[in-house]
Amino acid sequence: MTKDFNGWRKSRHSEPNGHCIEAGRAIDGTIGVRDSKHHGNGPTLQFTSAEWRIFLHKVRADAP
């Protein structure tokens, strides 16, 4: 089942050439992540709130 995500935001770390990711939230708190170059028509990765926190923590820990 496809969830309805709202409030899509582009990452502050996205490239200015259109290589961006966007994140949105579903009413149940699920986080959706998609590639902006598909203009909302591509696949969406879905994370629970706990998975999203872990993902962000690991990405930030590995950042230069």
PDB file of N, CA and C in Angstrom:
ATOM      1  N   MET A   1       0.848  -1.185   0.000  1.00  0.00           N
ATOM      2  CA  MET A   1       0.000   0.000   0.000  1.00  0.00           C
ATOM      3  C   MET A   1       0.892   1.247   0.000  1.00  0.00           C
ATOM      4  N   THR A   2       0.557   2.195  -0.809  1.00  0.00           N
ATOM      5  CA  THR A   2       1.310   3.436  -0.902  1.00  0.00           C
ATOM      6  C   THR A   2       0.787   4.424   0.129  1.00  0.00           C
ATOM      7  N   LYS A   3       1.685   4.988   0.881  1.00  0.00           N
ATOM      8  CA  LYS A   3       1.303   5.979   1.889  1.00  0.00           C
ATOM      9  C   LYS A   3       1.281   7.356   1.255  1.00  0.00           C
ATOM     10  N   ASP A   4       0.531   8.229   1.880  1.00  0.00           N
ATOM     11  CA  ASP A   4       0.453   9.628   1.472  1.00  0.00           C
ATOM     12  C   ASP A   4       1.440  10.426   2.316  1.00  0.00           C
ATOM     13  N   PHE A   5       2.496  10.949   1.679  1.00  0.00           N
ATOM     14  CA  PHE A   5       3.494  11.745   2.387  1.00  0.00           C
ATOM     15  C   PHE A   5       3.261  13.216   2.091  1.00  0.00           C
ATOM     16  N   ASN A   6       3.481  14.036   3.100  1.00  0.00           N
ATOM     17  CA  ASN A   6       3.275  15.483   2.970  1.00  0.00           C
ATOM     18  C   ASN A   6       4.513  16.235   3.434  1.00  0.00           C
ATOM     19  N   GLY A   7       4.561  17.516   3.093  1.00  0.00           N
ATOM     20  CA  GLY A   7       5.629  18.382   3.571  1.00  0.00           C
ATOM     21  C   GLY A   7       6.999  18.019   3.025  1.00  0.00           C
ATOM     22  N   TRP A   8       7.052  17.605   1.766  1.00  0.00           N
ATOM     23  CA  TRP A   8       8.329  17.214   1.173  1.00  0.00           C
ATOM     24  C   TRP A   8       9.316  18.364   1.255  1.00  0.00           C
ATOM     25  N   ARG A   9      10.551  18.052   1.697  1.00  0.00           N
ATOM     26  CA  ARG A   9      11.621  19.054   1.782  1.00  0.00           C
ATOM     27  C   ARG A   9      12.874  18.495   1.130  1.00  0.00           C
ATOM     28  N   LYS A  10      13.587  19.352   0.420  1.00  0.00           N
ATOM     29  CA  LYS A  10      14.868  18.951  -0.162  1.00  0.00           C
ATOM     30  C   LYS A  10      15.951  19.024   0.903  1.00  0.00           C
ATOM     31  N   SER A  11      16.896  18.127   0.809  1.00  0.00           N
ATOM     32  CA  SER A  11      18.028  18.130   1.730  1.00  0.00           C
ATOM     33  C   SER A  11      18.839  19.405   1.557  1.00  0.00           C
ATOM     34  N   ARG A  12      19.341  19.937   2.661  1.00  0.00           N
ATOM     35  CA  ARG A  12      20.223  21.113   2.598  1.00  0.00           C
ATOM     36  C   ARG A  12      21.555  20.754   1.965  1.00  0.00           C
ATOM     37  N   HIS A  13      21.870  19.485   1.874  1.00  0.00           N
ATOM     38  CA  HIS A  13      23.144  19.019   1.332  1.00  0.00           C
ATOM     39  C   HIS A  13      23.035  18.603  -0.135  1.00  0.00           C
ATOM     40  N   SER A  14      21.901  18.883  -0.761  1.00  0.00           N
ATOM     41  CA  SER A  14      21.698  18.502  -2.152  1.00  0.00           C
ATOM     42  C   SER A  14      22.534  19.355  -3.089  1.00  0.00           C
ATOM     43  N   GLU A  15      22.838  18.798  -4.231  1.00  0.00           N
ATOM     44  CA  GLU A  15      23.601  19.500  -5.256  1.00  0.00           C
ATOM     45  C   GLU A  15      22.697  20.502  -5.980  1.00  0.00           C
ATOM     46  N   PRO A  16      23.233  21.636  -6.426  1.00  0.00           N
ATOM     47  CA  PRO A  16      22.412  22.620  -7.148  1.00  0.00           C
ATOM     48  C   PRO A  16      22.030  22.159  -8.557  1.00  0.00           C
ATOM     49  N   ASN A  17      22.624  21.076  -9.048  1.00  0.00           N
ATOM     50  CA  ASN A  17      22.345  20.599 -10.404  1.00  0.00           C
ATOM     51  C   ASN A  17      21.132  19.681 -10.476  1.00  0.00           C
ATOM     52  N   GLY A  18      20.351  19.579  -9.410  1.00  0.00           N
ATOM     53  CA  GLY A  18      19.138  18.774  -9.442  1.00  0.00           C
ATOM     54  C   GLY A  18      19.297  17.382  -8.873  1.00  0.00           C
ATOM     55  N   HIS A  19      20.485  17.028  -8.434  1.00  0.00           N
ATOM     56  CA  HIS A  19      20.691  15.731  -7.802  1.00  0.00           C
ATOM     57  C   HIS A  19      20.337  15.881  -6.324  1.00  0.00           C
ATOM     58  N   CYS A  20      19.059  15.707  -6.019  1.00  0.00           N
ATOM     59  CA  CYS A  20      18.558  15.995  -4.682  1.00  0.00           C
ATOM     60  C   CYS A  20      17.753  14.825  -4.146  1.00  0.00           C
ATOM     61  N   ILE A  21      17.670  14.772  -2.832  1.00  0.00           N
ATOM     62  CA  ILE A  21      16.699  13.889  -2.212  1.00  0.00           C
ATOM     63  C   ILE A  21      15.718  14.765  -1.452  1.00  0.00           C
ATOM     64  N   GLU A  22      14.518  14.232  -1.302  1.00  0.00           N
ATOM     65  CA  GLU A  22      13.473  14.916  -0.563  1.00  0.00           C
ATOM     66  C   GLU A  22      12.945  13.965   0.500  1.00  0.00           C
ATOM     67  N   ALA A  23      12.532  14.527   1.617  1.00  0.00           N
ATOM     68  CA  ALA A  23      11.937  13.735   2.683  1.00  0.00           C
ATOM     69  C   ALA A  23      10.568  14.315   3.016  1.00  0.00           C
ATOM     70  N   GLY A  24       9.627  13.420   3.279  1.00  0.00           N
ATOM     71  CA  GLY A  24       8.282  13.820   3.666  1.00  0.00           C
ATOM     72  C   GLY A  24       7.793  12.921   4.791  1.00  0.00           C
ATOM     73  N   ARG A  25       6.685  13.277   5.402  1.00  0.00           N
ATOM     74  CA  ARG A  25       6.162  12.507   6.530  1.00  0.00           C
ATOM     75  C   ARG A  25       4.717  12.112   6.268  1.00  0.00           C
ATOM     76  N   ALA A  26       4.394  10.866   6.623  1.00  0.00           N
ATOM     77  CA  ALA A  26       3.012  10.381   6.551  1.00  0.00           C
ATOM     78  C   ALA A  26       2.319  10.672   7.877  1.00  0.00           C
ATOM     79  N   ILE A  27       1.016  10.589   7.885  1.00  0.00           N
ATOM     80  CA  ILE A  27       0.241  10.903   9.083  1.00  0.00           C
ATOM     81  C   ILE A  27       0.589   9.978  10.248  1.00  0.00           C
ATOM     82  N   ASP A  28       1.046   8.750   9.950  1.00  0.00           N
ATOM     83  CA  ASP A  28       1.405   7.803  11.021  1.00  0.00           C
ATOM     84  C   ASP A  28       2.851   7.977  11.495  1.00  0.00           C
ATOM     85  N   GLY A  29       3.566   8.983  10.976  1.00  0.00           N
ATOM     86  CA  GLY A  29       4.932   9.258  11.393  1.00  0.00           C
ATOM     87  C   GLY A  29       5.996   8.619  10.527  1.00  0.00           C
ATOM     88  N   THR A  30       5.588   7.802   9.559  1.00  0.00           N
ATOM     89  CA  THR A  30       6.541   7.188   8.637  1.00  0.00           C
ATOM     90  C   THR A  30       7.220   8.276   7.814  1.00  0.00           C
ATOM     91  N   ILE A  31       8.521   8.130   7.590  1.00  0.00           N
ATOM     92  CA  ILE A  31       9.289   9.082   6.791  1.00  0.00           C
ATOM     93  C   ILE A  31       9.472   8.492   5.395  1.00  0.00           C
ATOM     94  N   GLY A  32       9.179   9.269   4.384  1.00  0.00           N
ATOM     95  CA  GLY A  32       9.403   8.869   2.998  1.00  0.00           C
ATOM     96  C   GLY A  32      10.579   9.641   2.418  1.00  0.00           C
ATOM     97  N   VAL A  33      11.414   8.960   1.650  1.00  0.00           N
ATOM     98  CA  VAL A  33      12.567   9.593   1.009  1.00  0.00           C
ATOM     99  C   VAL A  33      12.515   9.256  -0.473  1.00  0.00           C
ATOM    100  N   ARG A  34      12.664  10.281  -1.313  1.00  0.00           N
ATOM    101  CA  ARG A  34      12.605  10.065  -2.757  1.00  0.00           C
ATOM    102  C   ARG A  34      13.650  10.915  -3.474  1.00  0.00           C
ATOM    103  N   ASP A  35      13.897  10.584  -4.722  1.00  0.00           N
ATOM    104  CA  ASP A  35      14.821  11.313  -5.593  1.00  0.00           C
ATOM    105  C   ASP A  35      14.024  12.400  -6.303  1.00  0.00           C
ATOM    106  N   SER A  36      14.425  13.654  -6.149  1.00  0.00           N
ATOM    107  CA  SER A  36      13.642  14.762  -6.702  1.00  0.00           C
ATOM    108  C   SER A  36      13.613  14.789  -8.227  1.00  0.00           C
ATOM    109  N   LYS A  37      14.589  14.182  -8.889  1.00  0.00           N
ATOM    110  CA  LYS A  37      14.598  14.254 -10.348  1.00  0.00           C
ATOM    111  C   LYS A  37      13.477  13.435 -10.990  1.00  0.00           C
ATOM    112  N   HIS A  38      12.789  12.605 -10.206  1.00  0.00           N
ATOM    113  CA  HIS A  38      11.648  11.844 -10.717  1.00  0.00           C
ATOM    114  C   HIS A  38      10.331  12.607 -10.562  1.00  0.00           C
ATOM    115  N   HIS A  39      10.406  13.805  -9.992  1.00  0.00           N
ATOM    116  CA  HIS A  39       9.252  14.713  -9.850  1.00  0.00           C
ATOM    117  C   HIS A  39       8.060  14.046  -9.174  1.00  0.00           C
ATOM    118  N   GLY A  40       8.350  13.247  -8.131  1.00  0.00           N
ATOM    119  CA  GLY A  40       7.283  12.603  -7.366  1.00  0.00           C
ATOM    120  C   GLY A  40       6.751  11.329  -7.970  1.00  0.00           C
ATOM    121  N   ASN A  41       7.305  10.879  -9.097  1.00  0.00           N
ATOM    122  CA  ASN A  41       6.800   9.687  -9.764  1.00  0.00           C
ATOM    123  C   ASN A  41       7.677   8.455  -9.580  1.00  0.00           C
ATOM    124  N   GLY A  42       8.782   8.595  -8.882  1.00  0.00           N
ATOM    125  CA  GLY A  42       9.691   7.481  -8.670  1.00  0.00           C
ATOM    126  C   GLY A  42       9.364   6.745  -7.381  1.00  0.00           C
ATOM    127  N   PRO A  43      10.189   5.763  -7.041  1.00  0.00           N
ATOM    128  CA  PRO A  43       9.959   5.013  -5.803  1.00  0.00           C
ATOM    129  C   PRO A  43      10.253   5.860  -4.571  1.00  0.00           C
ATOM    130  N   THR A  44       9.642   5.488  -3.464  1.00  0.00           N
ATOM    131  CA  THR A  44       9.845   6.165  -2.192  1.00  0.00           C
ATOM    132  C   THR A  44      10.307   5.142  -1.163  1.00  0.00           C
ATOM    133  N   LEU A  45      11.454   5.401  -0.548  1.00  0.00           N
ATOM    134  CA  LEU A  45      11.900   4.576   0.569  1.00  0.00           C
ATOM    135  C   LEU A  45      11.104   4.987   1.794  1.00  0.00           C
ATOM    136  N   GLN A  46      10.734   4.022   2.624  1.00  0.00           N
ATOM    137  CA  GLN A  46       9.952   4.326   3.817  1.00  0.00           C
ATOM    138  C   GLN A  46      10.705   3.885   5.061  1.00  0.00           C
ATOM    139  N   PHE A  47      10.761   4.775   6.059  1.00  0.00           N
ATOM    140  CA  PHE A  47      11.433   4.521   7.321  1.00  0.00           C
ATOM    141  C   PHE A  47      10.463   4.765   8.475  1.00  0.00           C
ATOM    142  N   THR A  48      10.519   3.933   9.497  1.00  0.00           N
ATOM    143  CA  THR A  48       9.809   4.274  10.726  1.00  0.00           C
ATOM    144  C   THR A  48      10.562   5.431  11.369  1.00  0.00           C
ATOM    145  N   SER A  49       9.965   6.066  12.364  1.00  0.00           N
ATOM    146  CA  SER A  49      10.656   7.165  13.052  1.00  0.00           C
ATOM    147  C   SER A  49      11.958   6.682  13.679  1.00  0.00           C
ATOM    148  N   ALA A  50      11.944   5.498  14.283  1.00  0.00           N
ATOM    149  CA  ALA A  50      13.157   4.955  14.908  1.00  0.00           C
ATOM    150  C   ALA A  50      14.227   4.660  13.861  1.00  0.00           C
ATOM    151  N   GLU A  51      13.837   4.070  12.737  1.00  0.00           N
ATOM    152  CA  GLU A  51      14.790   3.785  11.660  1.00  0.00           C
ATOM    153  C   GLU A  51      15.402   5.069  11.110  1.00  0.00           C
ATOM    154  N   TRP A  52      14.590   6.107  10.975  1.00  0.00           N
ATOM    155  CA  TRP A  52      15.049   7.384  10.446  1.00  0.00           C
ATOM    156  C   TRP A  52      16.079   8.015  11.384  1.00  0.00           C
ATOM    157  N   ARG A  53      15.807   7.980  12.702  1.00  0.00           N
ATOM    158  CA  ARG A  53      16.760   8.522  13.667  1.00  0.00           C
ATOM    159  C   ARG A  53      18.096   7.787  13.591  1.00  0.00           C
ATOM    160  N   ILE A  54      18.052   6.460  13.495  1.00  0.00           N
ATOM    161  CA  ILE A  54      19.281   5.666  13.389  1.00  0.00           C
ATOM    162  C   ILE A  54      20.013   5.996  12.093  1.00  0.00           C
ATOM    163  N   PHE A  55      19.273   6.082  10.997  1.00  0.00           N
ATOM    164  CA  PHE A  55      19.866   6.411   9.699  1.00  0.00           C
ATOM    165  C   PHE A  55      20.584   7.758   9.763  1.00  0.00           C
ATOM    166  N   LEU A  56      19.902   8.789  10.269  1.00  0.00           N
ATOM    167  CA  LEU A  56      20.507  10.121  10.355  1.00  0.00           C
ATOM    168  C   LEU A  56      21.719  10.124  11.272  1.00  0.00           C
ATOM    169  N   HIS A  57      21.636   9.413  12.386  1.00  0.00           N
ATOM    170  CA  HIS A  57      22.771   9.343  13.304  1.00  0.00           C
ATOM    171  C   HIS A  57      23.992   8.743  12.611  1.00  0.00           C
ATOM    172  N   LYS A  58      23.803   7.666  11.859  1.00  0.00           N
ATOM    173  CA  LYS A  58      24.926   7.012  11.176  1.00  0.00           C
ATOM    174  C   LYS A  58      25.476   7.888  10.046  1.00  0.00           C
ATOM    175  N   VAL A  59      24.608   8.534   9.309  1.00  0.00           N
ATOM    176  CA  VAL A  59      25.074   9.427   8.233  1.00  0.00           C
ATOM    177  C   VAL A  59      25.887  10.570   8.808  1.00  0.00           C
ATOM    178  N   ARG A  60      25.383  11.175   9.881  1.00  0.00           N
ATOM    179  CA  ARG A  60      26.100  12.304  10.496  1.00  0.00           C
ATOM    180  C   ARG A  60      27.423  11.854  11.114  1.00  0.00           C
ATOM    181  N   ALA A  61      27.460  10.659  11.656  1.00  0.00           N
ATOM    182  CA  ALA A  61      28.697  10.144  12.270  1.00  0.00           C
ATOM    183  C   ALA A  61      29.773   9.898  11.216  1.00  0.00           C
ATOM    184  N   ASP A  62      29.363   9.534   9.988  1.00  0.00           N
ATOM    185  CA  ASP A  62      30.306   9.266   8.907  1.00  0.00           C
ATOM    186  C   ASP A  62      30.646  10.494   8.076  1.00  0.00           C
ATOM    187  N   ALA A  63      29.974  11.621   8.341  1.00  0.00           N
ATOM    188  CA  ALA A  63      30.214  12.835   7.550  1.00  0.00           C
ATOM    189  C   ALA A  63      31.584  13.407   7.871  1.00  0.00           C
ATOM    190  N   PRO A  64      32.237  13.970   6.822  1.00  0.00           N
ATOM    191  CA  PRO A  64      33.566  14.570   7.047  1.00  0.00           C
ATOM    192  C   PRO A  64      33.492  15.839   7.877  1.00  0.00           C
TER     193      PRO A  64
END
